[in-house]
Amino acid sequence: LHERFGTLSLERLFRDAIAYARDGFAVHHRVALDWSR
């Protein structure tokens, strides 16, 4: 999808995801419920 239609680099597009994975994120309520199961 990125090779055919993307315009920004994957480094830019993954930046937030990488930061949340490394620095942490708040676990939301529905996410917590699904995780617990």
PDB file of all heavy atoms in Angstrom:
ATOM      1  N   LEU A   1       0.830  -1.200   0.000  1.00  0.00           N
ATOM      2  CA  LEU A   1       0.000   0.000   0.000  1.00  0.00           C
ATOM      3  C   LEU A   1       0.869   1.255   0.000  1.00  0.00           C
ATOM      4  O   LEU A   1       0.618   2.215  -0.745  1.00  0.00           O
ATOM      5  CB  LEU A   1      -0.910  -0.032   1.228  1.00  0.00           C
ATOM      6  CG  LEU A   1      -2.061   0.958   1.302  1.00  0.00           C
ATOM      7  CD1 LEU A   1      -3.048   0.738   0.170  1.00  0.00           C
ATOM      8  CD2 LEU A   1      -2.766   0.835   2.654  1.00  0.00           C
ATOM      9  N   HIS A   2       1.910   1.238   0.815  1.00  0.00           N
ATOM     10  CA  HIS A   2       2.794   2.400   0.921  1.00  0.00           C
ATOM     11  C   HIS A   2       3.570   2.624  -0.368  1.00  0.00           C
ATOM     12  O   HIS A   2       3.711   3.769  -0.833  1.00  0.00           O
ATOM     13  CB  HIS A   2       3.759   2.206   2.097  1.00  0.00           C
ATOM     14  CG  HIS A   2       4.669   3.366   2.327  1.00  0.00           C
ATOM     15  ND1 HIS A   2       5.988   3.366   1.906  1.00  0.00           N
ATOM     16  CD2 HIS A   2       4.459   4.574   2.921  1.00  0.00           C
ATOM     17  CE1 HIS A   2       6.548   4.506   2.237  1.00  0.00           C
ATOM     18  NE2 HIS A   2       5.649   5.268   2.851  1.00  0.00           N
ATOM     19  N   GLU A   3       4.075   1.564  -0.969  1.00  0.00           N
ATOM     20  CA  GLU A   3       4.870   1.706  -2.194  1.00  0.00           C
ATOM     21  C   GLU A   3       4.039   2.274  -3.339  1.00  0.00           C
ATOM     22  O   GLU A   3       4.541   3.048  -4.158  1.00  0.00           O
ATOM     23  CB  GLU A   3       5.463   0.350  -2.598  1.00  0.00           C
ATOM     24  CG  GLU A   3       6.598  -0.104  -1.692  1.00  0.00           C
ATOM     25  CD  GLU A   3       7.158  -1.449  -2.095  1.00  0.00           C
ATOM     26  OE1 GLU A   3       6.486  -2.156  -2.893  1.00  0.00           O
ATOM     27  OE2 GLU A   3       8.243  -1.814  -1.608  1.00  0.00           O
ATOM     28  N   ARG A   4       2.767   1.936  -3.379  1.00  0.00           N
ATOM     29  CA  ARG A   4       1.924   2.373  -4.500  1.00  0.00           C
ATOM     30  C   ARG A   4       1.301   3.750  -4.267  1.00  0.00           C
ATOM     31  O   ARG A   4       1.179   4.533  -5.216  1.00  0.00           O
ATOM     32  CB  ARG A   4       0.833   1.338  -4.762  1.00  0.00           C
ATOM     33  CG  ARG A   4       0.009   1.623  -6.001  1.00  0.00           C
ATOM     34  CD  ARG A   4      -0.823   0.429  -6.394  1.00  0.00           C
ATOM     35  NE  ARG A   4      -1.590   0.691  -7.601  1.00  0.00           N
ATOM     36  CZ  ARG A   4      -2.400  -0.190  -8.190  1.00  0.00           C
ATOM     37  NH1 ARG A   4      -2.519  -1.423  -7.689  1.00  0.00           N
ATOM     38  NH2 ARG A   4      -3.079   0.132  -9.271  1.00  0.00           N
ATOM     39  N   PHE A   5       0.926   4.040  -3.021  1.00  0.00           N
ATOM     40  CA  PHE A   5       0.147   5.261  -2.779  1.00  0.00           C
ATOM     41  C   PHE A   5       0.716   6.183  -1.697  1.00  0.00           C
ATOM     42  O   PHE A   5       0.271   7.321  -1.568  1.00  0.00           O
ATOM     43  CB  PHE A   5      -1.293   4.903  -2.396  1.00  0.00           C
ATOM     44  CG  PHE A   5      -2.073   4.262  -3.498  1.00  0.00           C
ATOM     45  CD1 PHE A   5      -2.331   2.900  -3.474  1.00  0.00           C
ATOM     46  CD2 PHE A   5      -2.546   5.013  -4.561  1.00  0.00           C
ATOM     47  CE1 PHE A   5      -3.060   2.297  -4.490  1.00  0.00           C
ATOM     48  CE2 PHE A   5      -3.269   4.421  -5.591  1.00  0.00           C
ATOM     49  CZ  PHE A   5      -3.526   3.059  -5.556  1.00  0.00           C
ATOM     50  N   GLY A   6       1.660   5.721  -0.889  1.00  0.00           N
ATOM     51  CA  GLY A   6       2.164   6.543   0.198  1.00  0.00           C
ATOM     52  C   GLY A   6       3.020   7.702  -0.292  1.00  0.00           C
ATOM     53  O   GLY A   6       3.643   7.631  -1.356  1.00  0.00           O
ATOM     54  N   THR A   7       3.060   8.768   0.512  1.00  0.00           N
ATOM     55  CA  THR A   7       3.876   9.937   0.162  1.00  0.00           C
ATOM     56  C   THR A   7       4.894  10.288   1.238  1.00  0.00           C
ATOM     57  O   THR A   7       5.889  10.952   0.948  1.00  0.00           O
ATOM     58  CB  THR A   7       2.982  11.169  -0.085  1.00  0.00           C
ATOM     59  OG1 THR A   7       2.304  11.527   1.119  1.00  0.00           O
ATOM     60  CG2 THR A   7       1.958  10.885  -1.177  1.00  0.00           C
ATOM     61  N   LEU A   8       4.673   9.877   2.474  1.00  0.00           N
ATOM     62  CA  LEU A   8       5.613  10.128   3.560  1.00  0.00           C
ATOM     63  C   LEU A   8       6.367   8.844   3.888  1.00  0.00           C
ATOM     64  O   LEU A   8       5.894   7.742   3.617  1.00  0.00           O
ATOM     65  CB  LEU A   8       4.871  10.632   4.802  1.00  0.00           C
ATOM     66  CG  LEU A   8       4.039  11.912   4.633  1.00  0.00           C
ATOM     67  CD1 LEU A   8       3.389  12.300   5.960  1.00  0.00           C
ATOM     68  CD2 LEU A   8       4.889  13.059   4.104  1.00  0.00           C
ATOM     69  N   SER A   9       7.527   8.965   4.509  1.00  0.00           N
ATOM     70  CA  SER A   9       8.357   7.803   4.808  1.00  0.00           C
ATOM     71  C   SER A   9       7.724   6.950   5.905  1.00  0.00           C
ATOM     72  O   SER A   9       6.960   7.443   6.742  1.00  0.00           O
ATOM     73  CB  SER A   9       9.747   8.245   5.261  1.00  0.00           C
ATOM     74  OG  SER A   9       9.670   8.868   6.539  1.00  0.00           O
ATOM     75  N   LEU A  10       8.063   5.666   5.894  1.00  0.00           N
ATOM     76  CA  LEU A  10       7.601   4.796   6.973  1.00  0.00           C
ATOM     77  C   LEU A  10       8.156   5.236   8.315  1.00  0.00           C
ATOM     78  O   LEU A  10       7.494   5.078   9.346  1.00  0.00           O
ATOM     79  CB  LEU A  10       7.991   3.346   6.686  1.00  0.00           C
ATOM     80  CG  LEU A  10       7.213   2.623   5.590  1.00  0.00           C
ATOM     81  CD1 LEU A  10       7.749   1.216   5.403  1.00  0.00           C
ATOM     82  CD2 LEU A  10       5.719   2.595   5.890  1.00  0.00           C
ATOM     83  N   GLU A  11       9.377   5.780   8.324  1.00  0.00           N
ATOM     84  CA  GLU A  11       9.924   6.294   9.582  1.00  0.00           C
ATOM     85  C   GLU A  11       9.004   7.357  10.172  1.00  0.00           C
ATOM     86  O   GLU A  11       8.756   7.367  11.385  1.00  0.00           O
ATOM     87  CB  GLU A  11      11.323   6.872   9.375  1.00  0.00           C
ATOM     88  CG  GLU A  11      12.410   5.826   9.185  1.00  0.00           C
ATOM     89  CD  GLU A  11      12.614   5.450   7.732  1.00  0.00           C
ATOM     90  OE1 GLU A  11      11.728   5.753   6.888  1.00  0.00           O
ATOM     91  OE2 GLU A  11      13.660   4.858   7.431  1.00  0.00           O
ATOM     92  N   ARG A  12       8.489   8.245   9.330  1.00  0.00           N
ATOM     93  CA  ARG A  12       7.543   9.255   9.831  1.00  0.00           C
ATOM     94  C   ARG A  12       6.214   8.612  10.234  1.00  0.00           C
ATOM     95  O   ARG A  12       5.655   8.930  11.295  1.00  0.00           O
ATOM     96  CB  ARG A  12       7.285  10.323   8.760  1.00  0.00           C
ATOM     97  CG  ARG A  12       6.072  11.225   9.045  1.00  0.00           C
ATOM     98  CD  ARG A  12       6.203  11.983  10.370  1.00  0.00           C
ATOM     99  NE  ARG A  12       4.966  12.619  10.782  1.00  0.00           N
ATOM    100  CZ  ARG A  12       4.076  12.086  11.602  1.00  0.00           C
ATOM    101  NH1 ARG A  12       4.265  10.846  12.084  1.00  0.00           N
ATOM    102  NH2 ARG A  12       2.999  12.744  11.950  1.00  0.00           N
ATOM    103  N   LEU A  13       5.715   7.694   9.429  1.00  0.00           N
ATOM    104  CA  LEU A  13       4.395   7.128   9.690  1.00  0.00           C
ATOM    105  C   LEU A  13       4.371   6.248  10.937  1.00  0.00           C
ATOM    106  O   LEU A  13       3.351   6.165  11.617  1.00  0.00           O
ATOM    107  CB  LEU A  13       3.925   6.332   8.471  1.00  0.00           C
ATOM    108  CG  LEU A  13       3.800   7.134   7.164  1.00  0.00           C
ATOM    109  CD1 LEU A  13       3.268   6.260   6.053  1.00  0.00           C
ATOM    110  CD2 LEU A  13       2.910   8.357   7.362  1.00  0.00           C
ATOM    111  N   PHE A  14       5.483   5.601  11.243  1.00  0.00           N
ATOM    112  CA  PHE A  14       5.543   4.733  12.424  1.00  0.00           C
ATOM    113  C   PHE A  14       6.023   5.467  13.675  1.00  0.00           C
ATOM    114  O   PHE A  14       6.145   4.871  14.739  1.00  0.00           O
ATOM    115  CB  PHE A  14       6.479   3.551  12.162  1.00  0.00           C
ATOM    116  CG  PHE A  14       5.941   2.515  11.201  1.00  0.00           C
ATOM    117  CD1 PHE A  14       4.756   2.717  10.504  1.00  0.00           C
ATOM    118  CD2 PHE A  14       6.635   1.336  10.991  1.00  0.00           C
ATOM    119  CE1 PHE A  14       4.276   1.766   9.621  1.00  0.00           C
ATOM    120  CE2 PHE A  14       6.164   0.375  10.111  1.00  0.00           C
ATOM    121  CZ  PHE A  14       4.986   0.591   9.417  1.00  0.00           C
ATOM    122  N   ARG A  15       6.315   6.735  13.545  1.00  0.00           N
ATOM    123  CA  ARG A  15       6.942   7.470  14.655  1.00  0.00           C
ATOM    124  C   ARG A  15       6.116   7.410  15.935  1.00  0.00           C
ATOM    125  O   ARG A  15       6.647   7.114  17.016  1.00  0.00           O
ATOM    126  CB  ARG A  15       7.160   8.929  14.242  1.00  0.00           C
ATOM    127  CG  ARG A  15       7.947   9.747  15.266  1.00  0.00           C
ATOM    128  CD  ARG A  15       8.212  11.140  14.716  1.00  0.00           C
ATOM    129  NE  ARG A  15       6.987  11.924  14.585  1.00  0.00           N
ATOM    130  CZ  ARG A  15       6.877  13.037  13.863  1.00  0.00           C
ATOM    131  NH1 ARG A  15       7.927  13.481  13.167  1.00  0.00           N
ATOM    132  NH2 ARG A  15       5.748  13.707  13.814  1.00  0.00           N
ATOM    133  N   ASP A  16       4.828   7.682  15.863  1.00  0.00           N
ATOM    134  CA  ASP A  16       3.998   7.665  17.069  1.00  0.00           C
ATOM    135  C   ASP A  16       3.911   6.258  17.651  1.00  0.00           C
ATOM    136  O   ASP A  16       3.991   6.068  18.868  1.00  0.00           O
ATOM    137  CB  ASP A  16       2.592   8.183  16.753  1.00  0.00           C
ATOM    138  CG  ASP A  16       2.559   9.678  16.520  1.00  0.00           C
ATOM    139  OD1 ASP A  16       3.583  10.350  16.785  1.00  0.00           O
ATOM    140  OD2 ASP A  16       1.518  10.184  16.066  1.00  0.00           O
ATOM    141  N   ALA A  17       3.718   5.257  16.790  1.00  0.00           N
ATOM    142  CA  ALA A  17       3.598   3.885  17.271  1.00  0.00           C
ATOM    143  C   ALA A  17       4.864   3.450  18.008  1.00  0.00           C
ATOM    144  O   ALA A  17       4.793   2.823  19.082  1.00  0.00           O
ATOM    145  CB  ALA A  17       3.320   2.938  16.102  1.00  0.00           C
ATOM    146  N   ILE A  18       6.008   3.783  17.449  1.00  0.00           N
ATOM    147  CA  ILE A  18       7.281   3.414  18.091  1.00  0.00           C
ATOM    148  C   ILE A  18       7.422   4.126  19.427  1.00  0.00           C
ATOM    149  O   ILE A  18       7.841   3.520  20.428  1.00  0.00           O
ATOM    150  CB  ILE A  18       8.455   3.740  17.160  1.00  0.00           C
ATOM    151  CG1 ILE A  18       8.403   2.837  15.905  1.00  0.00           C
ATOM    152  CG2 ILE A  18       9.786   3.576  17.870  1.00  0.00           C
ATOM    153  CD1 ILE A  18       9.321   3.284  14.789  1.00  0.00           C
ATOM    154  N   ALA A  19       7.033   5.389  19.477  1.00  0.00           N
ATOM    155  CA  ALA A  19       7.133   6.140  20.736  1.00  0.00           C
ATOM    156  C   ALA A  19       6.206   5.559  21.801  1.00  0.00           C
ATOM    157  O   ALA A  19       6.605   5.419  22.967  1.00  0.00           O
ATOM    158  CB  ALA A  19       6.807   7.608  20.489  1.00  0.00           C
ATOM    159  N   TYR A  20       4.984   5.220  21.435  1.00  0.00           N
ATOM    160  CA  TYR A  20       4.060   4.638  22.412  1.00  0.00           C
ATOM    161  C   TYR A  20       4.561   3.280  22.896  1.00  0.00           C
ATOM    162  O   TYR A  20       4.414   2.924  24.068  1.00  0.00           O
ATOM    163  CB  TYR A  20       2.661   4.495  21.808  1.00  0.00           C
ATOM    164  CG  TYR A  20       1.958   5.801  21.580  1.00  0.00           C
ATOM    165  CD1 TYR A  20       1.321   6.065  20.365  1.00  0.00           C
ATOM    166  CD2 TYR A  20       1.924   6.787  22.560  1.00  0.00           C
ATOM    167  CE1 TYR A  20       0.673   7.265  20.139  1.00  0.00           C
ATOM    168  CE2 TYR A  20       1.283   7.996  22.341  1.00  0.00           C
ATOM    169  CZ  TYR A  20       0.651   8.234  21.131  1.00  0.00           C
ATOM    170  OH  TYR A  20       0.009   9.422  20.915  1.00  0.00           O
ATOM    171  N   ALA A  21       5.145   2.502  21.989  1.00  0.00           N
ATOM    172  CA  ALA A  21       5.658   1.193  22.387  1.00  0.00           C
ATOM    173  C   ALA A  21       6.825   1.328  23.353  1.00  0.00           C
ATOM    174  O   ALA A  21       6.908   0.588  24.345  1.00  0.00           O
ATOM    175  CB  ALA A  21       6.083   0.400  21.151  1.00  0.00           C
ATOM    176  N   ARG A  22       7.713   2.275  23.105  1.00  0.00           N
ATOM    177  CA  ARG A  22       8.912   2.422  23.935  1.00  0.00           C
ATOM    178  C   ARG A  22       8.658   3.215  25.210  1.00  0.00           C
ATOM    179  O   ARG A  22       9.172   2.869  26.287  1.00  0.00           O
ATOM    180  CB  ARG A  22      10.017   3.079  23.116  1.00  0.00           C
ATOM    181  CG  ARG A  22      10.583   2.166  22.028  1.00  0.00           C
ATOM    182  CD  ARG A  22      11.553   2.902  21.125  1.00  0.00           C
ATOM    183  NE  ARG A  22      12.278   1.967  20.242  1.00  0.00           N
ATOM    184  CZ  ARG A  22      13.057   2.342  19.237  1.00  0.00           C
ATOM    185  NH1 ARG A  22      13.236   3.636  18.984  1.00  0.00           N
ATOM    186  NH2 ARG A  22      13.679   1.433  18.505  1.00  0.00           N
ATOM    187  N   ASP A  23       7.877   4.294  25.110  1.00  0.00           N
ATOM    188  CA  ASP A  23       7.666   5.182  26.256  1.00  0.00           C
ATOM    189  C   ASP A  23       6.425   4.839  27.062  1.00  0.00           C
ATOM    190  O   ASP A  23       6.287   5.262  28.210  1.00  0.00           O
ATOM    191  CB  ASP A  23       7.557   6.641  25.782  1.00  0.00           C
ATOM    192  CG  ASP A  23       8.803   7.096  25.039  1.00  0.00           C
ATOM    193  OD1 ASP A  23       9.881   6.528  25.292  1.00  0.00           O
ATOM    194  OD2 ASP A  23       8.692   8.005  24.197  1.00  0.00           O
ATOM    195  N   GLY A  24       5.496   4.111  26.464  1.00  0.00           N
ATOM    196  CA  GLY A  24       4.294   3.700  27.167  1.00  0.00           C
ATOM    197  C   GLY A  24       3.074   4.490  26.741  1.00  0.00           C
ATOM    198  O   GLY A  24       3.158   5.573  26.167  1.00  0.00           O
ATOM    199  N   PHE A  25       1.907   3.923  27.028  1.00  0.00           N
ATOM    200  CA  PHE A  25       0.625   4.516  26.682  1.00  0.00           C
ATOM    201  C   PHE A  25      -0.373   4.158  27.779  1.00  0.00           C
ATOM    202  O   PHE A  25      -0.193   3.189  28.522  1.00  0.00           O
ATOM    203  CB  PHE A  25       0.127   3.991  25.329  1.00  0.00           C
ATOM    204  CG  PHE A  25      -0.026   2.485  25.279  1.00  0.00           C
ATOM    205  CD1 PHE A  25      -1.241   1.875  25.574  1.00  0.00           C
ATOM    206  CD2 PHE A  25       1.059   1.675  24.970  1.00  0.00           C
ATOM    207  CE1 PHE A  25      -1.375   0.492  25.539  1.00  0.00           C
ATOM    208  CE2 PHE A  25       0.941   0.285  24.941  1.00  0.00           C
ATOM    209  CZ  PHE A  25      -0.273  -0.299  25.227  1.00  0.00           C
ATOM    210  N   ALA A  26      -1.421   4.941  27.864  1.00  0.00           N
ATOM    211  CA  ALA A  26      -2.476   4.651  28.836  1.00  0.00           C
ATOM    212  C   ALA A  26      -3.373   3.540  28.302  1.00  0.00           C
ATOM    213  O   ALA A  26      -3.869   3.614  27.177  1.00  0.00           O
ATOM    214  CB  ALA A  26      -3.304   5.906  29.098  1.00  0.00           C
ATOM    215  N   VAL A  27      -3.600   2.517  29.113  1.00  0.00           N
ATOM    216  CA  VAL A  27      -4.482   1.416  28.727  1.00  0.00           C
ATOM    217  C   VAL A  27      -5.931   1.871  28.889  1.00  0.00           C
ATOM    218  O   VAL A  27      -6.360   2.223  29.986  1.00  0.00           O
ATOM    219  CB  VAL A  27      -4.206   0.165  29.590  1.00  0.00           C
ATOM    220  CG1 VAL A  27      -5.184  -0.948  29.234  1.00  0.00           C
ATOM    221  CG2 VAL A  27      -2.759  -0.298  29.415  1.00  0.00           C
ATOM    222  N   HIS A  28      -6.679   1.871  27.792  1.00  0.00           N
ATOM    223  CA  HIS A  28      -8.063   2.317  27.833  1.00  0.00           C
ATOM    224  C   HIS A  28      -8.990   1.198  28.305  1.00  0.00           C
ATOM    225  O   HIS A  28      -8.608   0.026  28.344  1.00  0.00           O
ATOM    226  CB  HIS A  28      -8.480   2.828  26.456  1.00  0.00           C
ATOM    227  CG  HIS A  28      -7.971   4.202  26.153  1.00  0.00           C
ATOM    228  ND1 HIS A  28      -8.732   5.169  25.553  1.00  0.00           N
ATOM    229  CD2 HIS A  28      -6.760   4.787  26.380  1.00  0.00           C
ATOM    230  CE1 HIS A  28      -8.038   6.278  25.417  1.00  0.00           C
ATOM    231  NE2 HIS A  28      -6.833   6.063  25.908  1.00  0.00           N
ATOM    232  N   HIS A  29     -10.225   1.570  28.637  1.00  0.00           N
ATOM    233  CA  HIS A  29     -11.108   0.637  29.343  1.00  0.00           C
ATOM    234  C   HIS A  29     -11.479  -0.582  28.500  1.00  0.00           C
ATOM    235  O   HIS A  29     -11.406  -1.714  28.990  1.00  0.00           O
ATOM    236  CB  HIS A  29     -12.365   1.377  29.800  1.00  0.00           C
ATOM    237  CG  HIS A  29     -12.113   2.293  30.957  1.00  0.00           C
ATOM    238  ND1 HIS A  29     -12.103   1.861  32.267  1.00  0.00           N
ATOM    239  CD2 HIS A  29     -11.813   3.615  31.011  1.00  0.00           C
ATOM    240  CE1 HIS A  29     -11.829   2.876  33.070  1.00  0.00           C
ATOM    241  NE2 HIS A  29     -11.647   3.958  32.334  1.00  0.00           N
ATOM    242  N   ARG A  30     -11.901  -0.383  27.253  1.00  0.00           N
ATOM    243  CA  ARG A  30     -12.262  -1.538  26.434  1.00  0.00           C
ATOM    244  C   ARG A  30     -11.029  -2.378  26.129  1.00  0.00           C
ATOM    245  O   ARG A  30     -11.084  -3.613  26.102  1.00  0.00           O
ATOM    246  CB  ARG A  30     -12.944  -1.086  25.140  1.00  0.00           C
ATOM    247  CG  ARG A  30     -13.298  -2.226  24.187  1.00  0.00           C
ATOM    248  CD  ARG A  30     -14.205  -3.278  24.824  1.00  0.00           C
ATOM    249  NE  ARG A  30     -14.258  -4.491  24.040  1.00  0.00           N
ATOM    250  CZ  ARG A  30     -15.165  -4.743  23.100  1.00  0.00           C
ATOM    251  NH1 ARG A  30     -16.088  -3.842  22.821  1.00  0.00           N
ATOM    252  NH2 ARG A  30     -15.135  -5.884  22.444  1.00  0.00           N
ATOM    253  N   VAL A  31      -9.904  -1.715  25.905  1.00  0.00           N
ATOM    254  CA  VAL A  31      -8.646  -2.439  25.676  1.00  0.00           C
ATOM    255  C   VAL A  31      -8.312  -3.310  26.885  1.00  0.00           C
ATOM    256  O   VAL A  31      -7.923  -4.474  26.743  1.00  0.00           O
ATOM    257  CB  VAL A  31      -7.505  -1.450  25.383  1.00  0.00           C
ATOM    258  CG1 VAL A  31      -6.153  -2.157  25.372  1.00  0.00           C
ATOM    259  CG2 VAL A  31      -7.734  -0.747  24.036  1.00  0.00           C
ATOM    260  N   ALA A  32      -8.471  -2.744  28.086  1.00  0.00           N
ATOM    261  CA  ALA A  32      -8.177  -3.500  29.311  1.00  0.00           C
ATOM    262  C   ALA A  32      -9.070  -4.721  29.442  1.00  0.00           C
ATOM    263  O   ALA A  32      -8.629  -5.810  29.847  1.00  0.00           O
ATOM    264  CB  ALA A  32      -8.328  -2.593  30.531  1.00  0.00           C
ATOM    265  N   LEU A  33     -10.354  -4.571  29.092  1.00  0.00           N
ATOM    266  CA  LEU A  33     -11.284  -5.695  29.167  1.00  0.00           C
ATOM    267  C   LEU A  33     -10.875  -6.802  28.206  1.00  0.00           C
ATOM    268  O   LEU A  33     -10.806  -7.988  28.589  1.00  0.00           O
ATOM    269  CB  LEU A  33     -12.699  -5.205  28.845  1.00  0.00           C
ATOM    270  CG  LEU A  33     -13.780  -6.287  28.758  1.00  0.00           C
ATOM    271  CD1 LEU A  33     -13.933  -7.003  30.091  1.00  0.00           C
ATOM    272  CD2 LEU A  33     -15.113  -5.675  28.320  1.00  0.00           C
ATOM    273  N   ASP A  34     -10.591  -6.455  26.968  1.00  0.00           N
ATOM    274  CA  ASP A  34     -10.192  -7.463  25.984  1.00  0.00           C
ATOM    275  C   ASP A  34      -8.870  -8.118  26.369  1.00  0.00           C
ATOM    276  O   ASP A  34      -8.680  -9.329  26.176  1.00  0.00           O
ATOM    277  CB  ASP A  34     -10.068  -6.819  24.603  1.00  0.00           C
ATOM    278  CG  ASP A  34     -11.407  -6.309  24.082  1.00  0.00           C
ATOM    279  OD1 ASP A  34     -12.433  -6.935  24.385  1.00  0.00           O
ATOM    280  OD2 ASP A  34     -11.415  -5.286  23.376  1.00  0.00           O
ATOM    281  N   TRP A  35      -7.958  -7.346  26.916  1.00  0.00           N
ATOM    282  CA  TRP A  35      -6.646  -7.860  27.346  1.00  0.00           C
ATOM    283  C   TRP A  35      -6.833  -8.894  28.461  1.00  0.00           C
ATOM    284  O   TRP A  35      -6.215  -9.967  28.447  1.00  0.00           O
ATOM    285  CB  TRP A  35      -5.811  -6.689  27.844  1.00  0.00           C
ATOM    286  CG  TRP A  35      -4.323  -6.815  27.702  1.00  0.00           C
ATOM    287  CD1 TRP A  35      -3.550  -7.922  27.911  1.00  0.00           C
ATOM    288  CD2 TRP A  35      -3.415  -5.761  27.341  1.00  0.00           C
ATOM    289  NE1 TRP A  35      -2.224  -7.626  27.713  1.00  0.00           N
ATOM    290  CE2 TRP A  35      -2.114  -6.314  27.365  1.00  0.00           C
ATOM    291  CE3 TRP A  35      -3.569  -4.419  27.035  1.00  0.00           C
ATOM    292  CZ2 TRP A  35      -0.977  -5.545  27.085  1.00  0.00           C
ATOM    293  CZ3 TRP A  35      -2.449  -3.665  26.742  1.00  0.00           C
ATOM    294  CH2 TRP A  35      -1.170  -4.220  26.763  1.00  0.00           C
ATOM    295  N   SER A  36      -7.695  -8.566  29.410  1.00  0.00           N
ATOM    296  CA  SER A  36      -7.879  -9.443  30.572  1.00  0.00           C
ATOM    297  C   SER A  36      -8.443 -10.802  30.172  1.00  0.00           C
ATOM    298  O   SER A  36      -8.154 -11.817  30.809  1.00  0.00           O
ATOM    299  CB  SER A  36      -8.804  -8.777  31.595  1.00  0.00           C
ATOM    300  OG  SER A  36     -10.131  -8.658  31.107  1.00  0.00           O
ATOM    301  N   ARG A  37      -9.235 -10.838  29.113  1.00  0.00           N
ATOM    302  CA  ARG A  37      -9.854 -12.102  28.683  1.00  0.00           C
ATOM    303  C   ARG A  37      -8.826 -13.064  28.090  1.00  0.00           C
ATOM    304  O   ARG A  37      -9.087 -14.264  28.001  1.00  0.00           O
ATOM    305  CB  ARG A  37     -10.946 -11.811  27.663  1.00  0.00           C
ATOM    306  CG  ARG A  37     -12.152 -11.094  28.275  1.00  0.00           C
ATOM    307  CD  ARG A  37     -12.991 -10.388  27.223  1.00  0.00           C
ATOM    308  NE  ARG A  37     -13.666 -11.307  26.332  1.00  0.00           N
ATOM    309  CZ  ARG A  37     -14.894 -11.773  26.510  1.00  0.00           C
ATOM    310  NH1 ARG A  37     -15.588 -11.415  27.576  1.00  0.00           N
ATOM    311  NH2 ARG A  37     -15.452 -12.584  25.636  1.00  0.00           N
TER     312      ARG A  37
END
